[in-house]
N, C-alpha and C. Protein backbone atom coordinates (compact mmCIF):
# COMPACT_ATOMS: atom_id res chain seq x y z
N MET A 1 0.27 -4.36 -35.79
CA MET A 1 0.90 -5.25 -34.85
C MET A 1 -0.04 -5.47 -33.67
N LYS A 2 -0.21 -6.69 -33.29
CA LYS A 2 -1.07 -7.05 -32.16
C LYS A 2 -0.35 -6.70 -30.86
N LYS A 3 -1.02 -5.97 -29.97
CA LYS A 3 -0.45 -5.60 -28.68
C LYS A 3 -0.79 -6.67 -27.67
N ARG A 4 0.19 -6.98 -26.82
CA ARG A 4 -0.04 -7.97 -25.79
C ARG A 4 0.32 -7.39 -24.43
N ILE A 5 -0.53 -7.66 -23.47
CA ILE A 5 -0.30 -7.23 -22.09
C ILE A 5 -0.32 -8.48 -21.22
N LEU A 6 0.66 -8.59 -20.34
CA LEU A 6 0.75 -9.76 -19.48
C LEU A 6 0.43 -9.38 -18.04
N PHE A 7 -0.52 -10.06 -17.47
CA PHE A 7 -0.83 -9.92 -16.05
C PHE A 7 -0.40 -11.22 -15.37
N SER A 8 0.38 -11.12 -14.31
CA SER A 8 0.67 -12.30 -13.50
C SER A 8 -0.54 -12.45 -12.59
N ILE A 9 -1.34 -13.43 -12.81
CA ILE A 9 -2.65 -13.51 -12.17
C ILE A 9 -2.76 -14.72 -11.26
N VAL A 10 -3.51 -14.54 -10.20
CA VAL A 10 -3.77 -15.61 -9.26
C VAL A 10 -4.47 -16.78 -9.96
N PHE A 11 -5.26 -16.50 -10.98
CA PHE A 11 -6.03 -17.52 -11.68
C PHE A 11 -5.15 -18.68 -12.13
N ALA A 12 -3.95 -18.39 -12.60
CA ALA A 12 -3.07 -19.45 -13.08
C ALA A 12 -2.75 -20.43 -11.97
N ALA A 13 -2.51 -19.92 -10.77
CA ALA A 13 -2.22 -20.80 -9.63
C ALA A 13 -3.46 -21.56 -9.20
N ILE A 14 -4.60 -20.90 -9.21
CA ILE A 14 -5.85 -21.54 -8.80
C ILE A 14 -6.19 -22.69 -9.74
N ALA A 15 -6.01 -22.48 -11.01
CA ALA A 15 -6.35 -23.48 -12.01
C ALA A 15 -5.27 -24.56 -12.15
N ASN A 16 -4.18 -24.42 -11.38
CA ASN A 16 -3.05 -25.34 -11.48
C ASN A 16 -2.56 -25.46 -12.92
N PHE A 17 -2.53 -24.34 -13.60
CA PHE A 17 -2.10 -24.27 -14.98
C PHE A 17 -0.58 -24.18 -15.01
N ALA A 18 0.04 -25.08 -15.74
CA ALA A 18 1.50 -25.07 -15.85
C ALA A 18 1.90 -24.04 -16.90
N LEU A 19 2.47 -22.93 -16.44
CA LEU A 19 2.82 -21.85 -17.36
C LEU A 19 4.06 -22.14 -18.19
N GLY A 20 5.00 -22.87 -17.64
CA GLY A 20 6.24 -23.05 -18.38
C GLY A 20 6.94 -21.71 -18.51
N GLN A 21 7.34 -21.36 -19.69
CA GLN A 21 8.00 -20.08 -19.92
C GLN A 21 6.97 -19.04 -20.34
N ILE A 22 6.99 -17.90 -19.68
CA ILE A 22 6.07 -16.82 -20.00
C ILE A 22 6.58 -16.10 -21.25
N PRO A 23 5.74 -15.95 -22.28
CA PRO A 23 6.19 -15.27 -23.50
C PRO A 23 6.39 -13.78 -23.25
N THR A 24 7.51 -13.24 -23.67
CA THR A 24 7.79 -11.82 -23.46
C THR A 24 7.94 -11.05 -24.77
N GLN A 25 7.96 -11.73 -25.87
CA GLN A 25 8.10 -11.05 -27.16
C GLN A 25 6.86 -10.21 -27.46
N ASP A 26 7.06 -8.99 -27.87
CA ASP A 26 5.99 -8.05 -28.25
C ASP A 26 5.09 -7.62 -27.09
N LEU A 27 5.54 -7.80 -25.85
CA LEU A 27 4.74 -7.33 -24.71
C LEU A 27 4.71 -5.81 -24.67
N GLU A 28 3.57 -5.26 -24.37
CA GLU A 28 3.42 -3.82 -24.22
C GLU A 28 3.50 -3.41 -22.75
N ALA A 29 3.12 -4.33 -21.86
CA ALA A 29 3.14 -4.03 -20.42
C ALA A 29 3.13 -5.35 -19.65
N TRP A 30 3.60 -5.28 -18.39
CA TRP A 30 3.61 -6.47 -17.53
C TRP A 30 3.30 -6.01 -16.12
N TYR A 31 2.14 -6.41 -15.60
CA TYR A 31 1.69 -6.01 -14.27
C TYR A 31 1.81 -7.19 -13.33
N ARG A 32 2.67 -7.06 -12.31
CA ARG A 32 2.95 -8.14 -11.39
C ARG A 32 2.40 -7.79 -10.00
N PRO A 33 1.33 -8.47 -9.56
CA PRO A 33 0.72 -8.16 -8.28
C PRO A 33 1.68 -8.24 -7.10
N GLU A 34 2.63 -9.15 -7.15
CA GLU A 34 3.56 -9.29 -6.03
C GLU A 34 4.42 -8.04 -5.84
N GLU A 35 4.59 -7.24 -6.88
CA GLU A 35 5.37 -6.01 -6.76
C GLU A 35 4.58 -4.89 -6.08
N LEU A 36 3.26 -5.04 -5.96
CA LEU A 36 2.46 -4.04 -5.26
C LEU A 36 2.85 -3.94 -3.79
N ALA A 37 3.37 -5.04 -3.24
CA ALA A 37 3.77 -5.07 -1.82
C ALA A 37 4.92 -4.10 -1.53
N GLU A 38 5.63 -3.67 -2.56
CA GLU A 38 6.71 -2.70 -2.37
C GLU A 38 6.16 -1.31 -2.04
N ASP A 39 4.94 -1.03 -2.49
CA ASP A 39 4.34 0.30 -2.31
C ASP A 39 3.14 0.32 -1.38
N TYR A 40 2.50 -0.85 -1.15
CA TYR A 40 1.25 -0.88 -0.40
C TYR A 40 1.26 -1.94 0.68
N SER A 41 0.43 -1.73 1.70
CA SER A 41 0.22 -2.72 2.76
C SER A 41 -1.19 -3.26 2.65
N GLN A 42 -1.46 -4.35 3.37
CA GLN A 42 -2.77 -4.99 3.35
C GLN A 42 -3.90 -3.96 3.52
N GLY A 43 -4.86 -3.97 2.60
CA GLY A 43 -6.04 -3.09 2.69
C GLY A 43 -5.86 -1.70 2.13
N ASP A 44 -4.63 -1.30 1.78
CA ASP A 44 -4.42 0.03 1.20
C ASP A 44 -5.15 0.16 -0.14
N LEU A 45 -5.64 1.36 -0.42
CA LEU A 45 -6.24 1.62 -1.73
C LEU A 45 -5.13 1.91 -2.72
N VAL A 46 -5.15 1.24 -3.85
CA VAL A 46 -4.07 1.32 -4.84
C VAL A 46 -4.36 2.41 -5.86
N SER A 47 -3.49 3.41 -5.90
CA SER A 47 -3.65 4.51 -6.84
C SER A 47 -2.84 4.29 -8.12
N VAL A 48 -1.73 3.53 -8.02
CA VAL A 48 -0.87 3.28 -9.19
C VAL A 48 -0.39 1.84 -9.16
N TRP A 49 -0.53 1.15 -10.27
CA TRP A 49 0.05 -0.19 -10.45
C TRP A 49 1.13 -0.04 -11.50
N ARG A 50 2.37 -0.17 -11.07
CA ARG A 50 3.50 0.09 -11.96
C ARG A 50 3.73 -1.07 -12.92
N ASP A 51 3.97 -0.73 -14.16
CA ASP A 51 4.31 -1.68 -15.20
C ASP A 51 5.74 -2.17 -14.94
N ALA A 52 5.94 -3.48 -14.81
CA ALA A 52 7.27 -4.03 -14.54
C ALA A 52 8.26 -3.70 -15.65
N MET A 53 7.76 -3.38 -16.84
CA MET A 53 8.63 -3.01 -17.95
C MET A 53 8.92 -1.51 -17.96
N GLY A 54 8.19 -0.75 -17.11
CA GLY A 54 8.42 0.68 -16.99
C GLY A 54 7.83 1.52 -18.10
N LEU A 55 6.82 1.00 -18.78
CA LEU A 55 6.27 1.72 -19.93
C LEU A 55 4.87 2.29 -19.71
N HIS A 56 3.97 1.52 -19.11
CA HIS A 56 2.55 1.91 -19.05
C HIS A 56 1.97 1.66 -17.66
N ASP A 57 2.17 2.56 -16.71
CA ASP A 57 1.59 2.40 -15.39
C ASP A 57 0.08 2.60 -15.45
N LEU A 58 -0.65 1.86 -14.61
CA LEU A 58 -2.10 2.03 -14.48
C LEU A 58 -2.35 2.90 -13.27
N SER A 59 -3.31 3.83 -13.36
CA SER A 59 -3.58 4.70 -12.22
C SER A 59 -5.01 5.22 -12.26
N THR A 60 -5.44 5.71 -11.09
CA THR A 60 -6.71 6.41 -10.98
C THR A 60 -6.54 7.51 -9.94
N ALA A 61 -7.05 8.68 -10.23
CA ALA A 61 -6.88 9.83 -9.35
C ALA A 61 -7.89 9.83 -8.20
N SER A 62 -9.07 9.30 -8.44
CA SER A 62 -10.14 9.34 -7.45
C SER A 62 -10.03 8.20 -6.45
N SER A 63 -9.93 8.51 -5.16
CA SER A 63 -9.79 7.47 -4.15
C SER A 63 -11.03 6.57 -4.07
N SER A 64 -12.18 7.06 -4.48
CA SER A 64 -13.40 6.24 -4.41
C SER A 64 -13.44 5.17 -5.50
N TYR A 65 -12.55 5.25 -6.49
CA TYR A 65 -12.51 4.26 -7.57
C TYR A 65 -11.34 3.29 -7.44
N ARG A 66 -10.59 3.34 -6.36
CA ARG A 66 -9.38 2.53 -6.22
C ARG A 66 -9.68 1.14 -5.64
N PRO A 67 -9.07 0.11 -6.24
CA PRO A 67 -9.17 -1.23 -5.64
C PRO A 67 -8.26 -1.31 -4.42
N SER A 68 -8.47 -2.31 -3.58
CA SER A 68 -7.62 -2.46 -2.40
C SER A 68 -6.57 -3.54 -2.63
N PHE A 69 -5.41 -3.33 -2.01
CA PHE A 69 -4.32 -4.30 -2.09
C PHE A 69 -4.57 -5.41 -1.08
N GLU A 70 -4.43 -6.65 -1.53
CA GLU A 70 -4.57 -7.82 -0.67
C GLU A 70 -3.25 -8.56 -0.71
N SER A 71 -2.60 -8.67 0.44
CA SER A 71 -1.27 -9.28 0.48
C SER A 71 -1.30 -10.80 0.37
N SER A 72 -2.46 -11.40 0.65
CA SER A 72 -2.54 -12.86 0.59
C SER A 72 -3.94 -13.29 0.16
N LEU A 73 -4.09 -13.56 -1.12
CA LEU A 73 -5.35 -14.08 -1.65
C LEU A 73 -5.22 -15.60 -1.75
N GLU A 74 -5.70 -16.20 -2.80
CA GLU A 74 -5.59 -17.64 -2.99
C GLU A 74 -4.14 -18.08 -3.02
N HIS A 75 -3.83 -19.14 -2.33
CA HIS A 75 -2.48 -19.73 -2.30
C HIS A 75 -1.43 -18.75 -1.79
N GLY A 76 -1.84 -17.75 -1.01
CA GLY A 76 -0.89 -16.81 -0.43
C GLY A 76 -0.33 -15.78 -1.38
N LEU A 77 -0.91 -15.66 -2.58
CA LEU A 77 -0.42 -14.71 -3.56
C LEU A 77 -1.06 -13.34 -3.38
N ALA A 78 -0.31 -12.29 -3.66
CA ALA A 78 -0.82 -10.91 -3.57
C ALA A 78 -1.70 -10.59 -4.77
N GLY A 79 -2.55 -9.57 -4.61
CA GLY A 79 -3.40 -9.15 -5.71
C GLY A 79 -4.23 -7.94 -5.35
N LEU A 80 -5.17 -7.61 -6.20
CA LEU A 80 -6.08 -6.48 -6.00
C LEU A 80 -7.49 -7.01 -5.79
N ARG A 81 -8.26 -6.31 -4.95
CA ARG A 81 -9.67 -6.63 -4.77
C ARG A 81 -10.48 -5.46 -5.29
N PHE A 82 -11.27 -5.72 -6.33
CA PHE A 82 -12.16 -4.72 -6.91
C PHE A 82 -13.54 -4.93 -6.31
N ASP A 83 -14.26 -3.84 -6.03
CA ASP A 83 -15.54 -3.97 -5.35
C ASP A 83 -16.69 -4.41 -6.25
N GLY A 84 -16.46 -4.52 -7.54
CA GLY A 84 -17.51 -4.96 -8.46
C GLY A 84 -18.44 -3.82 -8.85
N GLY A 85 -18.19 -2.65 -8.33
CA GLY A 85 -19.04 -1.50 -8.66
C GLY A 85 -18.30 -0.49 -9.52
N ASN A 86 -17.44 0.29 -8.87
CA ASN A 86 -16.82 1.39 -9.60
C ASN A 86 -15.30 1.39 -9.56
N ASP A 87 -14.67 0.38 -8.96
CA ASP A 87 -13.20 0.37 -8.90
C ASP A 87 -12.60 0.19 -10.29
N GLU A 88 -11.50 0.89 -10.52
CA GLU A 88 -10.82 0.82 -11.82
C GLU A 88 -9.38 1.28 -11.68
N LEU A 89 -8.57 0.90 -12.62
CA LEU A 89 -7.20 1.40 -12.74
C LEU A 89 -6.95 1.69 -14.20
């Protein structure tokens, strides 16, 4: 069975892509950046990104590898900023 993971991404808004209905059948995980605001403030280092389905949280133990939470990226949407070096979840 093919596994599918859904990220609600800023890219869709930037590209003005009309999503219509988001497919949810056979999803393994769903990571919603806007839900990060419940746990983090602007510039905080993100240690856990909770799966909206409650199945597969993403995390990293080392603070030096954590991306930062950005409350307003393109079009005012929340997201993560990775440094392009060693950040991971």
